[in-house]
Amino acid sequence: DSLAHETADRPTDRDVLVAEGLHGRLDPAGW
């Protein structure tokens, strides 16, 4: 919740990084 969220008008890699902050790291295939 404390991370700055992504504002681009398309999905970016940062979207995945933010989600990992809640649910944990993904392996390369999961990412």
PDB file of all heavy atoms in Angstrom:
ATOM      1  N   ASP A   1       0.813  -1.220   0.000  1.00  0.00           N
ATOM      2  CA  ASP A   1       0.000   0.000   0.000  1.00  0.00           C
ATOM      3  C   ASP A   1       0.841   1.263   0.000  1.00  0.00           C
ATOM      4  O   ASP A   1       0.389   2.309  -0.499  1.00  0.00           O
ATOM      5  CB  ASP A   1      -0.932   0.008   1.213  1.00  0.00           C
ATOM      6  CG  ASP A   1      -1.860  -1.182   1.236  1.00  0.00           C
ATOM      7  OD1 ASP A   1      -1.449  -2.243   1.755  1.00  0.00           O
ATOM      8  OD2 ASP A   1      -2.996  -1.076   0.728  1.00  0.00           O
ATOM      9  N   SER A   2       2.025   1.213   0.577  1.00  0.00           N
ATOM     10  CA  SER A   2       2.845   2.425   0.665  1.00  0.00           C
ATOM     11  C   SER A   2       3.651   2.691  -0.600  1.00  0.00           C
ATOM     12  O   SER A   2       4.288   3.746  -0.708  1.00  0.00           O
ATOM     13  CB  SER A   2       3.791   2.324   1.873  1.00  0.00           C
ATOM     14  OG  SER A   2       3.055   2.265   3.082  1.00  0.00           O
ATOM     15  N   LEU A   3       3.651   1.770  -1.544  1.00  0.00           N
ATOM     16  CA  LEU A   3       4.399   1.966  -2.777  1.00  0.00           C
ATOM     17  C   LEU A   3       3.631   2.874  -3.726  1.00  0.00           C
ATOM     18  O   LEU A   3       2.402   2.820  -3.808  1.00  0.00           O
ATOM     19  CB  LEU A   3       4.651   0.632  -3.469  1.00  0.00           C
ATOM     20  CG  LEU A   3       5.499  -0.392  -2.711  1.00  0.00           C
ATOM     21  CD1 LEU A   3       5.619  -1.671  -3.532  1.00  0.00           C
ATOM     22  CD2 LEU A   3       6.881   0.168  -2.394  1.00  0.00           C
ATOM     23  N   ALA A   4       4.357   3.708  -4.440  1.00  0.00           N
ATOM     24  CA  ALA A   4       3.724   4.537  -5.476  1.00  0.00           C
ATOM     25  C   ALA A   4       3.208   3.621  -6.575  1.00  0.00           C
ATOM     26  O   ALA A   4       3.935   2.764  -7.082  1.00  0.00           O
ATOM     27  CB  ALA A   4       4.732   5.532  -6.041  1.00  0.00           C
ATOM     28  N   HIS A   5       1.949   3.782  -6.943  1.00  0.00           N
ATOM     29  CA  HIS A   5       1.393   2.892  -7.948  1.00  0.00           C
ATOM     30  C   HIS A   5       1.736   3.387  -9.356  1.00  0.00           C
ATOM     31  O   HIS A   5       2.078   4.541  -9.561  1.00  0.00           O
ATOM     32  CB  HIS A   5      -0.129   2.782  -7.783  1.00  0.00           C
ATOM     33  CG  HIS A   5      -0.863   4.053  -8.045  1.00  0.00           C
ATOM     34  ND1 HIS A   5      -1.152   4.962  -7.059  1.00  0.00           N
ATOM     35  CD2 HIS A   5      -1.370   4.579  -9.175  1.00  0.00           C
ATOM     36  CE1 HIS A   5      -1.800   5.995  -7.575  1.00  0.00           C
ATOM     37  NE2 HIS A   5      -1.943   5.783  -8.862  1.00  0.00           N
ATOM     38  N   GLU A   6       1.622   2.470 -10.297  1.00  0.00           N
ATOM     39  CA  GLU A   6       1.917   2.786 -11.694  1.00  0.00           C
ATOM     40  C   GLU A   6       0.806   3.674 -12.258  1.00  0.00           C
ATOM     41  O   GLU A   6      -0.373   3.531 -11.922  1.00  0.00           O
ATOM     42  CB  GLU A   6       2.012   1.482 -12.489  1.00  0.00           C
ATOM     43  CG  GLU A   6       2.342   1.665 -13.952  1.00  0.00           C
ATOM     44  CD  GLU A   6       3.633   2.401 -14.179  1.00  0.00           C
ATOM     45  OE1 GLU A   6       4.685   1.761 -14.215  1.00  0.00           O
ATOM     46  OE2 GLU A   6       3.560   3.638 -14.307  1.00  0.00           O
ATOM     47  N   THR A   7       1.197   4.634 -13.097  1.00  0.00           N
ATOM     48  CA  THR A   7       0.214   5.546 -13.696  1.00  0.00           C
ATOM     49  C   THR A   7       0.198   5.491 -15.217  1.00  0.00           C
ATOM     50  O   THR A   7      -0.609   6.185 -15.845  1.00  0.00           O
ATOM     51  CB  THR A   7       0.496   6.994 -13.259  1.00  0.00           C
ATOM     52  OG1 THR A   7       1.821   7.360 -13.666  1.00  0.00           O
ATOM     53  CG2 THR A   7       0.365   7.152 -11.743  1.00  0.00           C
ATOM     54  N   ALA A   8       1.069   4.686 -15.814  1.00  0.00           N
ATOM     55  CA  ALA A   8       1.073   4.582 -17.269  1.00  0.00           C
ATOM     56  C   ALA A   8      -0.263   4.034 -17.759  1.00  0.00           C
ATOM     57  O   ALA A   8      -0.973   3.328 -17.031  1.00  0.00           O
ATOM     58  CB  ALA A   8       2.211   3.675 -17.729  1.00  0.00           C
ATOM     59  N   ASP A   9      -0.610   4.359 -18.998  1.00  0.00           N
ATOM     60  CA  ASP A   9      -1.913   3.933 -19.519  1.00  0.00           C
ATOM     61  C   ASP A   9      -1.887   2.508 -20.079  1.00  0.00           C
ATOM     62  O   ASP A   9      -2.865   2.060 -20.673  1.00  0.00           O
ATOM     63  CB  ASP A   9      -2.418   4.911 -20.581  1.00  0.00           C
ATOM     64  CG  ASP A   9      -1.481   5.049 -21.765  1.00  0.00           C
ATOM     65  OD1 ASP A   9      -0.452   4.338 -21.788  1.00  0.00           O
ATOM     66  OD2 ASP A   9      -1.770   5.855 -22.666  1.00  0.00           O
ATOM     67  N   ARG A  10      -0.795   1.816 -19.901  1.00  0.00           N
ATOM     68  CA  ARG A  10      -0.680   0.405 -20.260  1.00  0.00           C
ATOM     69  C   ARG A  10       0.001  -0.340 -19.111  1.00  0.00           C
ATOM     70  O   ARG A  10       0.695   0.269 -18.299  1.00  0.00           O
ATOM     71  CB  ARG A  10       0.166   0.240 -21.536  1.00  0.00           C
ATOM     72  CG  ARG A  10      -0.460   0.815 -22.787  1.00  0.00           C
ATOM     73  CD  ARG A  10      -1.707   0.064 -23.201  1.00  0.00           C
ATOM     74  NE  ARG A  10      -1.436  -1.362 -23.427  1.00  0.00           N
ATOM     75  CZ  ARG A  10      -2.393  -2.278 -23.614  1.00  0.00           C
ATOM     76  NH1 ARG A  10      -3.661  -1.929 -23.560  1.00  0.00           N
ATOM     77  NH2 ARG A  10      -2.073  -3.529 -23.830  1.00  0.00           N
ATOM     78  N   PRO A  11      -0.178  -1.649 -19.011  1.00  0.00           N
ATOM     79  CA  PRO A  11       0.543  -2.405 -17.979  1.00  0.00           C
ATOM     80  C   PRO A  11       2.052  -2.271 -18.158  1.00  0.00           C
ATOM     81  O   PRO A  11       2.549  -2.165 -19.286  1.00  0.00           O
ATOM     82  CB  PRO A  11       0.085  -3.847 -18.207  1.00  0.00           C
ATOM     83  CG  PRO A  11      -1.168  -3.755 -18.996  1.00  0.00           C
ATOM     84  CD  PRO A  11      -1.047  -2.514 -19.833  1.00  0.00           C
ATOM     85  N   THR A  12       2.766  -2.292 -17.054  1.00  0.00           N
ATOM     86  CA  THR A  12       4.230  -2.223 -17.083  1.00  0.00           C
ATOM     87  C   THR A  12       4.798  -3.262 -16.136  1.00  0.00           C
ATOM     88  O   THR A  12       4.078  -3.880 -15.343  1.00  0.00           O
ATOM     89  CB  THR A  12       4.738  -0.829 -16.663  1.00  0.00           C
ATOM     90  OG1 THR A  12       4.524  -0.660 -15.245  1.00  0.00           O
ATOM     91  CG2 THR A  12       4.029   0.290 -17.421  1.00  0.00           C
ATOM     92  N   ASP A  13       6.110  -3.427 -16.188  1.00  0.00           N
ATOM     93  CA  ASP A  13       6.763  -4.363 -15.277  1.00  0.00           C
ATOM     94  C   ASP A  13       6.552  -3.948 -13.820  1.00  0.00           C
ATOM     95  O   ASP A  13       6.491  -4.810 -12.937  1.00  0.00           O
ATOM     96  CB  ASP A  13       8.258  -4.417 -15.578  1.00  0.00           C
ATOM     97  CG  ASP A  13       8.569  -5.055 -16.921  1.00  0.00           C
ATOM     98  OD1 ASP A  13       7.627  -5.573 -17.566  1.00  0.00           O
ATOM     99  OD2 ASP A  13       9.744  -5.034 -17.329  1.00  0.00           O
ATOM    100  N   ARG A  14       6.443  -2.652 -13.560  1.00  0.00           N
ATOM    101  CA  ARG A  14       6.266  -2.196 -12.189  1.00  0.00           C
ATOM    102  C   ARG A  14       4.969  -2.728 -11.587  1.00  0.00           C
ATOM    103  O   ARG A  14       4.897  -2.985 -10.384  1.00  0.00           O
ATOM    104  CB  ARG A  14       6.297  -0.669 -12.118  1.00  0.00           C
ATOM    105  CG  ARG A  14       6.093  -0.148 -10.695  1.00  0.00           C
ATOM    106  CD  ARG A  14       6.318   1.348 -10.551  1.00  0.00           C
ATOM    107  NE  ARG A  14       6.005   1.763  -9.208  1.00  0.00           N
ATOM    108  CZ  ARG A  14       6.779   1.582  -8.152  1.00  0.00           C
ATOM    109  NH1 ARG A  14       7.959   0.982  -8.308  1.00  0.00           N
ATOM    110  NH2 ARG A  14       6.412   1.989  -6.955  1.00  0.00           N
ATOM    111  N   ASP A  15       3.935  -2.896 -12.395  1.00  0.00           N
ATOM    112  CA  ASP A  15       2.689  -3.457 -11.883  1.00  0.00           C
ATOM    113  C   ASP A  15       2.932  -4.814 -11.221  1.00  0.00           C
ATOM    114  O   ASP A  15       2.384  -5.111 -10.157  1.00  0.00           O
ATOM    115  CB  ASP A  15       1.676  -3.622 -13.016  1.00  0.00           C
ATOM    116  CG  ASP A  15       1.100  -2.305 -13.492  1.00  0.00           C
ATOM    117  OD1 ASP A  15       0.567  -1.552 -12.663  1.00  0.00           O
ATOM    118  OD2 ASP A  15       1.185  -2.030 -14.703  1.00  0.00           O
ATOM    119  N   VAL A  16       3.753  -5.631 -11.847  1.00  0.00           N
ATOM    120  CA  VAL A  16       4.054  -6.954 -11.287  1.00  0.00           C
ATOM    121  C   VAL A  16       4.876  -6.813 -10.010  1.00  0.00           C
ATOM    122  O   VAL A  16       4.632  -7.509  -9.015  1.00  0.00           O
ATOM    123  CB  VAL A  16       4.795  -7.824 -12.312  1.00  0.00           C
ATOM    124  CG1 VAL A  16       4.990  -9.236 -11.762  1.00  0.00           C
ATOM    125  CG2 VAL A  16       4.030  -7.879 -13.638  1.00  0.00           C
ATOM    126  N   LEU A  17       5.844  -5.894 -10.007  1.00  0.00           N
ATOM    127  CA  LEU A  17       6.681  -5.695  -8.828  1.00  0.00           C
ATOM    128  C   LEU A  17       5.854  -5.250  -7.633  1.00  0.00           C
ATOM    129  O   LEU A  17       6.065  -5.704  -6.503  1.00  0.00           O
ATOM    130  CB  LEU A  17       7.777  -4.668  -9.131  1.00  0.00           C
ATOM    131  CG  LEU A  17       8.812  -5.081 -10.173  1.00  0.00           C
ATOM    132  CD1 LEU A  17       9.733  -3.908 -10.495  1.00  0.00           C
ATOM    133  CD2 LEU A  17       9.624  -6.270  -9.681  1.00  0.00           C
ATOM    134  N   VAL A  18       4.895  -4.358  -7.859  1.00  0.00           N
ATOM    135  CA  VAL A  18       4.029  -3.907  -6.771  1.00  0.00           C
ATOM    136  C   VAL A  18       3.203  -5.066  -6.233  1.00  0.00           C
ATOM    137  O   VAL A  18       3.073  -5.245  -5.016  1.00  0.00           O
ATOM    138  CB  VAL A  18       3.120  -2.754  -7.250  1.00  0.00           C
ATOM    139  CG1 VAL A  18       2.051  -2.439  -6.218  1.00  0.00           C
ATOM    140  CG2 VAL A  18       3.949  -1.504  -7.542  1.00  0.00           C
ATOM    141  N   ALA A  19       2.646  -5.886  -7.120  1.00  0.00           N
ATOM    142  CA  ALA A  19       1.850  -7.031  -6.689  1.00  0.00           C
ATOM    143  C   ALA A  19       2.689  -8.023  -5.888  1.00  0.00           C
ATOM    144  O   ALA A  19       2.199  -8.640  -4.927  1.00  0.00           O
ATOM    145  CB  ALA A  19       1.237  -7.725  -7.903  1.00  0.00           C
ATOM    146  N   GLU A  20       3.960  -8.175  -6.244  1.00  0.00           N
ATOM    147  CA  GLU A  20       4.843  -9.065  -5.491  1.00  0.00           C
ATOM    148  C   GLU A  20       5.020  -8.583  -4.059  1.00  0.00           C
ATOM    149  O   GLU A  20       5.278  -9.384  -3.149  1.00  0.00           O
ATOM    150  CB  GLU A  20       6.198  -9.175  -6.180  1.00  0.00           C
ATOM    151  CG  GLU A  20       6.196 -10.022  -7.445  1.00  0.00           C
ATOM    152  CD  GLU A  20       7.569 -10.126  -8.067  1.00  0.00           C
ATOM    153  OE1 GLU A  20       8.274  -9.088  -8.163  1.00  0.00           O
ATOM    154  OE2 GLU A  20       7.938 -11.239  -8.486  1.00  0.00           O
ATOM    155  N   GLY A  21       4.889  -7.282  -3.837  1.00  0.00           N
ATOM    156  CA  GLY A  21       5.000  -6.758  -2.483  1.00  0.00           C
ATOM    157  C   GLY A  21       3.918  -7.283  -1.562  1.00  0.00           C
ATOM    158  O   GLY A  21       4.112  -7.350  -0.345  1.00  0.00           O
ATOM    159  N   LEU A  22       2.789  -7.668  -2.117  1.00  0.00           N
ATOM    160  CA  LEU A  22       1.696  -8.220  -1.310  1.00  0.00           C
ATOM    161  C   LEU A  22       1.748  -9.739  -1.250  1.00  0.00           C
ATOM    162  O   LEU A  22       1.621 -10.330  -0.178  1.00  0.00           O
ATOM    163  CB  LEU A  22       0.348  -7.776  -1.886  1.00  0.00           C
ATOM    164  CG  LEU A  22      -0.889  -8.266  -1.131  1.00  0.00           C
ATOM    165  CD1 LEU A  22      -0.941  -7.658   0.266  1.00  0.00           C
ATOM    166  CD2 LEU A  22      -2.162  -7.936  -1.903  1.00  0.00           C
ATOM    167  N   HIS A  23       1.933 -10.378  -2.391  1.00  0.00           N
ATOM    168  CA  HIS A  23       1.786 -11.830  -2.466  1.00  0.00           C
ATOM    169  C   HIS A  23       3.101 -12.592  -2.593  1.00  0.00           C
ATOM    170  O   HIS A  23       3.086 -13.827  -2.686  1.00  0.00           O
ATOM    171  CB  HIS A  23       0.884 -12.193  -3.652  1.00  0.00           C
ATOM    172  CG  HIS A  23      -0.541 -11.790  -3.453  1.00  0.00           C
ATOM    173  ND1 HIS A  23      -1.250 -12.076  -2.314  1.00  0.00           N
ATOM    174  CD2 HIS A  23      -1.396 -11.106  -4.272  1.00  0.00           C
ATOM    175  CE1 HIS A  23      -2.486 -11.600  -2.427  1.00  0.00           C
ATOM    176  NE2 HIS A  23      -2.595 -11.013  -3.596  1.00  0.00           N
ATOM    177  N   GLY A  24       4.220 -11.892  -2.621  1.00  0.00           N
ATOM    178  CA  GLY A  24       5.492 -12.582  -2.659  1.00  0.00           C
ATOM    179  C   GLY A  24       6.074 -12.690  -4.061  1.00  0.00           C
ATOM    180  O   GLY A  24       5.392 -12.494  -5.058  1.00  0.00           O
ATOM    181  N   ARG A  25       7.367 -13.017  -4.082  1.00  0.00           N
ATOM    182  CA  ARG A  25       8.103 -13.074  -5.337  1.00  0.00           C
ATOM    183  C   ARG A  25       7.609 -14.204  -6.214  1.00  0.00           C
ATOM    184  O   ARG A  25       7.231 -15.271  -5.748  1.00  0.00           O
ATOM    185  CB  ARG A  25       9.601 -13.260  -5.052  1.00  0.00           C
ATOM    186  CG  ARG A  25      10.253 -12.095  -4.339  1.00  0.00           C
ATOM    187  CD  ARG A  25      10.383 -10.886  -5.243  1.00  0.00           C
ATOM    188  NE  ARG A  25      11.201 -11.176  -6.398  1.00  0.00           N
ATOM    189  CZ  ARG A  25      12.531 -11.093  -6.422  1.00  0.00           C
ATOM    190  NH1 ARG A  25      13.197 -10.757  -5.323  1.00  0.00           N
ATOM    191  NH2 ARG A  25      13.196 -11.347  -7.527  1.00  0.00           N
ATOM    192  N   LEU A  26       7.649 -13.955  -7.517  1.00  0.00           N
ATOM    193  CA  LEU A  26       7.285 -14.948  -8.516  1.00  0.00           C
ATOM    194  C   LEU A  26       8.551 -15.537  -9.133  1.00  0.00           C
ATOM    195  O   LEU A  26       9.567 -14.849  -9.266  1.00  0.00           O
ATOM    196  CB  LEU A  26       6.453 -14.295  -9.618  1.00  0.00           C
ATOM    197  CG  LEU A  26       5.066 -13.784  -9.212  1.00  0.00           C
ATOM    198  CD1 LEU A  26       4.572 -12.744 -10.214  1.00  0.00           C
ATOM    199  CD2 LEU A  26       4.080 -14.941  -9.122  1.00  0.00           C
ATOM    200  N   ASP A  27       8.476 -16.794  -9.536  1.00  0.00           N
ATOM    201  CA  ASP A  27       9.583 -17.339 -10.313  1.00  0.00           C
ATOM    202  C   ASP A  27       9.483 -16.776 -11.731  1.00  0.00           C
ATOM    203  O   ASP A  27       8.479 -16.139 -12.094  1.00  0.00           O
ATOM    204  CB  ASP A  27       9.576 -18.866 -10.290  1.00  0.00           C
ATOM    205  CG  ASP A  27       8.317 -19.483 -10.893  1.00  0.00           C
ATOM    206  OD1 ASP A  27       7.639 -18.814 -11.717  1.00  0.00           O
ATOM    207  OD2 ASP A  27       8.007 -20.630 -10.548  1.00  0.00           O
ATOM    208  N   PRO A  28      10.519 -16.939 -12.559  1.00  0.00           N
ATOM    209  CA  PRO A  28      10.491 -16.323 -13.893  1.00  0.00           C
ATOM    210  C   PRO A  28       9.262 -16.686 -14.715  1.00  0.00           C
ATOM    211  O   PRO A  28       8.678 -15.823 -15.374  1.00  0.00           O
ATOM    212  CB  PRO A  28      11.784 -16.838 -14.534  1.00  0.00           C
ATOM    213  CG  PRO A  28      12.714 -17.030 -13.374  1.00  0.00           C
ATOM    214  CD  PRO A  28      11.843 -17.540 -12.263  1.00  0.00           C
ATOM    215  N   ALA A  29       8.849 -17.950 -14.664  1.00  0.00           N
ATOM    216  CA  ALA A  29       7.673 -18.348 -15.443  1.00  0.00           C
ATOM    217  C   ALA A  29       6.412 -17.680 -14.907  1.00  0.00           C
ATOM    218  O   ALA A  29       5.560 -17.216 -15.672  1.00  0.00           O
ATOM    219  CB  ALA A  29       7.520 -19.871 -15.417  1.00  0.00           C
ATOM    220  N   GLY A  30       6.276 -17.628 -13.586  1.00  0.00           N
ATOM    221  CA  GLY A  30       5.118 -16.977 -12.993  1.00  0.00           C
ATOM    222  C   GLY A  30       5.102 -15.485 -13.282  1.00  0.00           C
ATOM    223  O   GLY A  30       4.036 -14.903 -13.511  1.00  0.00           O
ATOM    224  N   TRP A  31       6.271 -14.882 -13.270  1.00  0.00           N
ATOM    225  CA  TRP A  31       6.365 -13.450 -13.555  1.00  0.00           C
ATOM    226  C   TRP A  31       5.888 -13.164 -14.976  1.00  0.00           C
ATOM    227  O   TRP A  31       5.094 -12.250 -15.205  1.00  0.00           O
ATOM    228  CB  TRP A  31       7.807 -12.993 -13.370  1.00  0.00           C
ATOM    229  CG  TRP A  31       7.978 -11.516 -13.182  1.00  0.00           C
ATOM    230  CD1 TRP A  31       8.126 -10.847 -12.013  1.00  0.00           C
ATOM    231  CD2 TRP A  31       8.022 -10.526 -14.223  1.00  0.00           C
ATOM    232  NE1 TRP A  31       8.254  -9.504 -12.253  1.00  0.00           N
ATOM    233  CE2 TRP A  31       8.198  -9.275 -13.592  1.00  0.00           C
ATOM    234  CE3 TRP A  31       7.939 -10.577 -15.615  1.00  0.00           C
ATOM    235  CZ2 TRP A  31       8.284  -8.094 -14.307  1.00  0.00           C
ATOM    236  CZ3 TRP A  31       8.015  -9.395 -16.332  1.00  0.00           C
ATOM    237  CH2 TRP A  31       8.189  -8.165 -15.685  1.00  0.00           C
TER     238      TRP A  31
END
